[in-house]
Amino acid sequence: MKISELKSNFKTTLSGLYPSEEIQSFFNILSEEYLNLSRIEVALHPEKTISTEDAEKFQEALLQLKNYKPIQYIIGETEFYGLPFKVNKHTLIPRPETEELVEWILSKQKLITILDIGTGTGCIAISLAKNLPNSKISALDISKEALKIAHQNAKLNKVEVEFFQADILKTKTLPKQYDVIVSNPPYVRELEKKQMQQNVLKYEPDSALFVKDEDPLLFYRAISQLAKTNLKANGKLFFEINEYLADELTQLLKSKGFQNIEVKKDIFGKDRMLKCSL
């Protein structure tokens, strides 16, 4: 089969399920993964013949894409803050909004000790470690399987991060004091599920995404309580947040004695990040 035929079949099969630009992006990603060909090379050599084995790989990917499996899970990796990250069903796929949170943290000075709570793939902790070589980065997660991936990602990106397992809702104390505590905890309410895409609902881990409608700030309450006793003087607490709950979270943090509360919008104009200090 020629690349041009493969591409035509690919687009026809997914037409109506995804926007055309996204289908093109999927094809480019799979071409690089399975054929080791860049987007430009694919465009320049449409008559290039591919093997039956490679065509079967595309066919398998097509079946998964038709069932809305995220492309990142199909190839087992993604990119975050310019770095490669392995992903699987036990980890959330890192989002562009979270890159903005990392950027915000990096804009601050004198970050020596940092703790990432609910690390997942390790994307926040590892990106910080890569860009702050003189800092000591720690990260925790409740999931053993997620921590396995995080360890792999730290090794892949050649950084040192201290990972440990903990259930933040049952943790009474943290190992040490930190200059920064950061978390992107579960914050999507059950009632918001109807706004979400099938690829998220069917494949990404519920426990890393959703909270009960009646107590959506559960994790923020627990983390801020720990931060009160585990942040150094002038330490900072950073959160990724639910765009609909910025005011409620601000009131919660004020009630716990936090000051200098700043809510920051993401590139889509949504309240997505918060920073505060004691």
Protein backbone atom coordinates (compact mmCIF):
# COMPACT_ATOMS: atom_id res chain seq x y z
CA MET A 1 0.00 0.00 0.00
CA LYS A 2 1.18 3.51 -0.81
CA ILE A 3 1.21 6.31 1.75
CA SER A 4 -1.33 8.25 -0.31
CA GLU A 5 -3.75 5.29 -0.19
CA LEU A 6 -3.17 4.78 3.51
CA LYS A 7 -3.83 8.44 4.18
CA SER A 8 -7.00 8.49 2.08
CA ASN A 9 -8.39 5.45 3.88
CA PHE A 10 -7.43 6.93 7.24
CA LYS A 11 -9.26 10.20 6.56
CA THR A 12 -12.34 8.47 5.14
CA THR A 13 -12.63 6.11 8.11
CA LEU A 14 -12.46 8.89 10.71
CA SER A 15 -14.46 11.49 8.79
CA GLY A 16 -17.40 12.67 10.85
CA LEU A 17 -15.86 11.43 14.10
CA TYR A 18 -13.14 14.08 14.39
CA PRO A 19 -12.41 17.49 12.79
CA SER A 20 -10.29 17.18 9.65
CA GLU A 21 -7.37 19.02 11.27
CA GLU A 22 -7.32 16.53 14.13
CA ILE A 23 -7.45 13.57 11.72
CA GLN A 24 -4.45 15.02 9.89
CA SER A 25 -2.65 15.44 13.21
CA PHE A 26 -3.39 11.80 14.13
CA PHE A 27 -1.97 10.63 10.81
CA ASN A 28 1.18 12.69 11.25
CA ILE A 29 1.73 11.35 14.78
CA LEU A 30 1.25 7.73 13.69
CA SER A 31 3.45 8.19 10.63
CA GLU A 32 6.27 9.38 12.84
CA GLU A 33 5.66 6.58 15.35
CA TYR A 34 5.17 3.67 12.93
CA LEU A 35 7.00 4.76 9.78
CA ASN A 36 9.64 7.05 11.27
CA LEU A 37 8.58 9.68 8.75
CA SER A 38 8.07 13.36 9.52
CA ARG A 39 5.04 15.32 8.32
CA ILE A 40 7.19 16.87 5.56
CA GLU A 41 8.53 13.49 4.44
CA VAL A 42 4.99 12.10 4.24
CA ALA A 43 3.94 15.07 2.10
CA LEU A 44 6.97 14.76 -0.20
CA HIS A 45 6.74 11.00 -0.76
CA PRO A 46 3.05 10.09 -1.19
CA GLU A 47 3.96 7.20 -3.54
CA LYS A 48 6.24 5.52 -1.02
CA THR A 49 5.16 1.93 -0.37
CA ILE A 50 4.71 0.75 3.19
CA SER A 51 4.87 -2.81 4.50
CA THR A 52 1.85 -4.95 5.32
CA GLU A 53 3.00 -4.96 8.94
CA ASP A 54 2.99 -1.15 9.13
CA ALA A 55 -0.38 -0.97 7.39
CA GLU A 56 -1.77 -3.33 10.05
CA LYS A 57 -0.47 -1.03 12.79
CA PHE A 58 -2.40 1.85 11.23
CA GLN A 59 -5.50 -0.33 10.97
CA GLU A 60 -5.31 -1.23 14.65
CA ALA A 61 -4.86 2.44 15.55
CA LEU A 62 -7.86 3.32 13.39
CA LEU A 63 -10.06 0.85 15.28
CA GLN A 64 -8.99 2.40 18.57
CA LEU A 65 -9.51 5.94 17.32
CA LYS A 66 -13.00 4.99 16.11
CA ASN A 67 -13.67 3.95 19.70
CA TYR A 68 -12.37 7.36 20.86
CA LYS A 69 -9.20 6.07 22.49
CA PRO A 70 -6.83 9.05 22.91
CA ILE A 71 -3.93 9.05 20.47
CA GLN A 72 -1.54 9.47 23.42
CA TYR A 73 -2.66 6.15 24.89
CA ILE A 74 -2.40 4.45 21.50
CA ILE A 75 1.27 5.35 21.08
CA GLY A 76 1.96 5.36 24.85
CA GLU A 77 3.51 8.79 25.03
CA THR A 78 2.96 12.51 24.77
CA GLU A 79 4.86 15.78 25.06
CA PHE A 80 4.65 18.23 27.95
CA TYR A 81 6.63 21.44 28.36
CA GLY A 82 8.87 20.30 25.49
CA LEU A 83 9.70 16.99 27.18
CA PRO A 84 8.66 13.40 26.34
CA PHE A 85 6.35 11.58 28.77
CA LYS A 86 5.10 8.03 28.80
CA VAL A 87 1.37 7.65 29.56
CA ASN A 88 -1.00 4.76 30.13
CA LYS A 89 -4.49 4.07 31.46
CA HIS A 90 -3.32 4.72 35.04
CA THR A 91 -2.31 8.32 34.30
CA LEU A 92 -4.05 11.42 33.06
CA ILE A 93 -2.82 12.82 29.77
CA PRO A 94 -0.99 16.07 30.63
CA ARG A 95 -2.84 19.17 29.44
CA PRO A 96 -1.59 22.46 27.92
CA GLU A 97 -3.19 24.37 30.80
CA THR A 98 -0.91 22.54 33.21
CA GLU A 99 2.09 23.71 31.19
CA GLU A 100 0.96 27.23 32.03
CA LEU A 101 0.98 26.33 35.72
CA VAL A 102 4.57 25.10 35.40
CA GLU A 103 5.50 28.31 33.58
CA TRP A 104 3.99 30.38 36.40
CA ILE A 105 5.95 28.51 39.05
CA LEU A 106 9.18 28.86 37.07
CA SER A 107 8.69 32.62 36.88
CA LYS A 108 9.24 32.80 40.65
CA GLN A 109 12.68 32.93 42.20
CA LYS A 110 14.46 30.99 44.95
CA LEU A 111 12.58 27.73 44.54
CA ILE A 112 14.73 25.26 46.43
CA THR A 113 12.38 22.56 47.73
CA ILE A 114 9.18 21.71 45.86
CA LEU A 115 6.46 19.11 46.43
CA ASP A 116 4.03 18.05 43.70
CA ILE A 117 0.89 16.43 45.13
CA GLY A 118 -0.97 13.98 42.86
CA THR A 119 1.87 13.76 40.37
CA GLY A 120 0.40 11.24 37.88
CA THR A 121 2.89 11.02 34.99
CA GLY A 122 5.21 13.26 36.98
CA CYS A 123 4.83 15.98 34.35
CA ILE A 124 4.84 18.93 36.78
CA ALA A 125 7.62 17.64 39.04
CA ILE A 126 9.83 16.48 36.17
CA SER A 127 9.40 19.69 34.16
CA LEU A 128 10.33 21.71 37.23
CA ALA A 129 13.33 19.48 37.95
CA LYS A 130 14.52 19.83 34.35
CA ASN A 131 14.36 23.62 34.54
CA LEU A 132 15.52 24.04 38.16
CA PRO A 133 18.60 21.80 38.39
CA ASN A 134 19.60 23.20 41.78
CA SER A 135 16.23 22.51 43.40
CA LYS A 136 15.11 19.39 45.24
CA ILE A 137 11.82 18.12 43.85
CA SER A 138 9.52 15.60 45.55
CA ALA A 139 6.23 14.19 44.29
CA LEU A 140 3.53 11.92 45.65
CA ASP A 141 0.57 10.00 44.32
CA ILE A 142 -1.93 7.52 45.71
CA SER A 143 -1.51 5.22 42.69
CA LYS A 144 1.37 2.72 42.60
CA GLU A 145 0.82 2.28 38.87
CA ALA A 146 1.02 6.01 38.21
CA LEU A 147 4.23 6.22 40.25
CA LYS A 148 5.78 3.49 38.09
CA ILE A 149 5.19 5.66 35.04
CA ALA A 150 6.47 8.76 36.87
CA HIS A 151 9.71 6.94 37.74
CA GLN A 152 10.12 5.95 34.08
CA ASN A 153 9.54 9.52 32.99
CA ALA A 154 12.10 10.90 35.42
CA LYS A 155 14.66 8.45 34.04
CA LEU A 156 13.63 9.25 30.46
CA ASN A 157 14.19 12.96 31.08
CA LYS A 158 17.37 12.43 33.14
CA VAL A 159 16.23 14.19 36.30
CA GLU A 160 16.16 13.33 39.98
CA VAL A 161 12.76 13.43 41.66
CA GLU A 162 11.93 11.83 45.00
CA PHE A 163 8.64 9.97 44.49
CA PHE A 164 6.57 8.45 47.27
CA GLN A 165 3.13 6.94 47.65
CA ALA A 166 0.54 8.58 49.89
CA ASP A 167 -3.19 9.18 50.12
CA ILE A 168 -3.37 12.92 50.61
CA LEU A 169 -6.83 12.64 52.20
CA LYS A 170 -5.37 10.44 54.95
CA THR A 171 -1.98 12.12 55.31
CA LYS A 172 -1.50 14.05 58.55
CA THR A 173 2.04 15.25 58.01
CA LEU A 174 4.55 15.61 55.18
CA PRO A 175 8.23 14.54 55.25
CA LYS A 176 9.68 18.06 55.40
CA GLN A 177 9.17 21.78 54.80
CA TYR A 178 8.89 23.12 51.27
CA ASP A 179 9.33 26.43 49.49
CA VAL A 180 6.55 25.48 47.07
CA ILE A 181 3.71 22.99 47.20
CA VAL A 182 1.89 22.49 43.91
CA SER A 183 -1.07 20.32 42.99
CA ASN A 184 -3.36 19.60 40.08
CA PRO A 185 -5.87 17.54 42.08
CA PRO A 186 -9.16 16.00 40.92
CA TYR A 187 -11.55 18.93 40.48
CA VAL A 188 -14.15 18.08 37.84
CA ARG A 189 -17.60 17.72 39.38
CA GLU A 190 -19.80 14.80 38.38
CA LEU A 191 -22.33 17.30 37.00
CA GLU A 192 -19.73 18.50 34.49
CA LYS A 193 -19.33 15.07 32.87
CA LYS A 194 -21.91 15.92 30.22
CA GLN A 195 -19.57 18.66 28.93
CA MET A 196 -16.66 16.26 28.45
CA GLN A 197 -15.50 14.32 25.41
CA GLN A 198 -15.94 10.56 25.11
CA ASN A 199 -12.21 9.99 24.82
CA VAL A 200 -11.77 11.43 28.33
CA LEU A 201 -14.77 9.71 29.91
CA LYS A 202 -14.02 6.28 28.46
CA TYR A 203 -10.28 6.08 28.96
CA GLU A 204 -8.80 8.50 31.50
CA PRO A 205 -8.79 7.44 35.18
CA ASP A 206 -11.89 8.72 37.01
CA SER A 207 -10.07 8.95 40.32
CA ALA A 208 -7.66 11.53 38.91
CA LEU A 209 -10.44 13.65 37.39
CA PHE A 210 -13.69 13.66 39.32
CA VAL A 211 -14.99 14.77 42.69
CA LYS A 212 -18.46 14.52 44.19
CA ASP A 213 -20.78 17.44 43.48
CA GLU A 214 -21.47 17.94 47.18
CA ASP A 215 -17.80 18.43 48.12
CA PRO A 216 -15.80 19.57 45.08
CA LEU A 217 -13.06 21.25 47.15
CA LEU A 218 -12.25 18.09 49.10
CA PHE A 219 -8.67 17.81 47.89
CA TYR A 220 -7.95 21.54 48.12
CA ARG A 221 -9.08 21.54 51.74
CA ALA A 222 -6.79 18.64 52.62
CA ILE A 223 -3.79 20.02 50.74
CA SER A 224 -4.14 23.55 52.10
CA GLN A 225 -4.35 22.16 55.63
CA LEU A 226 -1.07 20.29 55.13
CA ALA A 227 0.48 23.34 53.48
CA LYS A 228 -0.19 25.40 56.63
CA THR A 229 2.32 23.32 58.56
CA ASN A 230 4.67 22.28 55.76
CA LEU A 231 5.35 25.49 53.84
CA LYS A 232 8.48 27.42 54.79
CA ALA A 233 8.26 31.10 55.69
CA ASN A 234 7.27 32.98 52.53
CA GLY A 235 6.47 29.66 50.86
CA LYS A 236 3.93 29.47 48.04
CA LEU A 237 1.01 27.18 47.31
CA PHE A 238 0.05 26.70 43.65
CA PHE A 239 -3.07 24.97 42.36
CA GLU A 240 -4.66 24.12 39.05
CA ILE A 241 -8.35 24.80 39.63
CA ASN A 242 -11.88 24.30 38.37
CA GLU A 243 -12.82 27.37 36.34
CA TYR A 244 -16.24 27.50 38.04
CA LEU A 245 -14.97 27.33 41.61
CA ALA A 246 -12.34 30.07 41.86
CA ASP A 247 -14.42 32.19 44.25
CA GLU A 248 -15.28 29.26 46.51
CA LEU A 249 -11.66 28.15 46.64
CA THR A 250 -10.49 31.69 47.39
CA GLN A 251 -12.88 31.84 50.37
CA LEU A 252 -11.68 28.44 51.60
CA LEU A 253 -8.05 29.55 51.50
CA LYS A 254 -8.82 32.83 53.23
CA SER A 255 -10.59 30.93 56.01
CA LYS A 256 -7.40 28.90 56.52
CA GLY A 257 -5.25 32.01 56.81
CA PHE A 258 -3.74 32.17 53.34
CA GLN A 259 -2.96 35.59 51.87
CA ASN A 260 -1.86 37.18 48.59
CA ILE A 261 -4.35 34.97 46.75
CA GLU A 262 -4.03 35.38 43.00
CA VAL A 263 -6.21 33.67 40.39
CA LYS A 264 -4.74 33.44 36.89
CA LYS A 265 -6.53 32.73 33.62
CA ASP A 266 -5.28 30.21 31.07
CA ILE A 267 -4.83 30.81 27.34
CA PHE A 268 -8.55 30.12 26.86
CA GLY A 269 -9.52 32.90 29.29
CA LYS A 270 -10.67 30.50 32.01
CA ASP A 271 -9.80 30.80 35.70
CA ARG A 272 -7.36 27.91 35.83
CA MET A 273 -4.56 28.60 38.32
CA LEU A 274 -4.26 29.98 41.81
CA LYS A 275 -1.30 31.07 43.90
CA CYS A 276 -1.24 32.02 47.57
CA SER A 277 0.99 32.19 50.63
CA LEU A 278 0.67 32.18 54.41
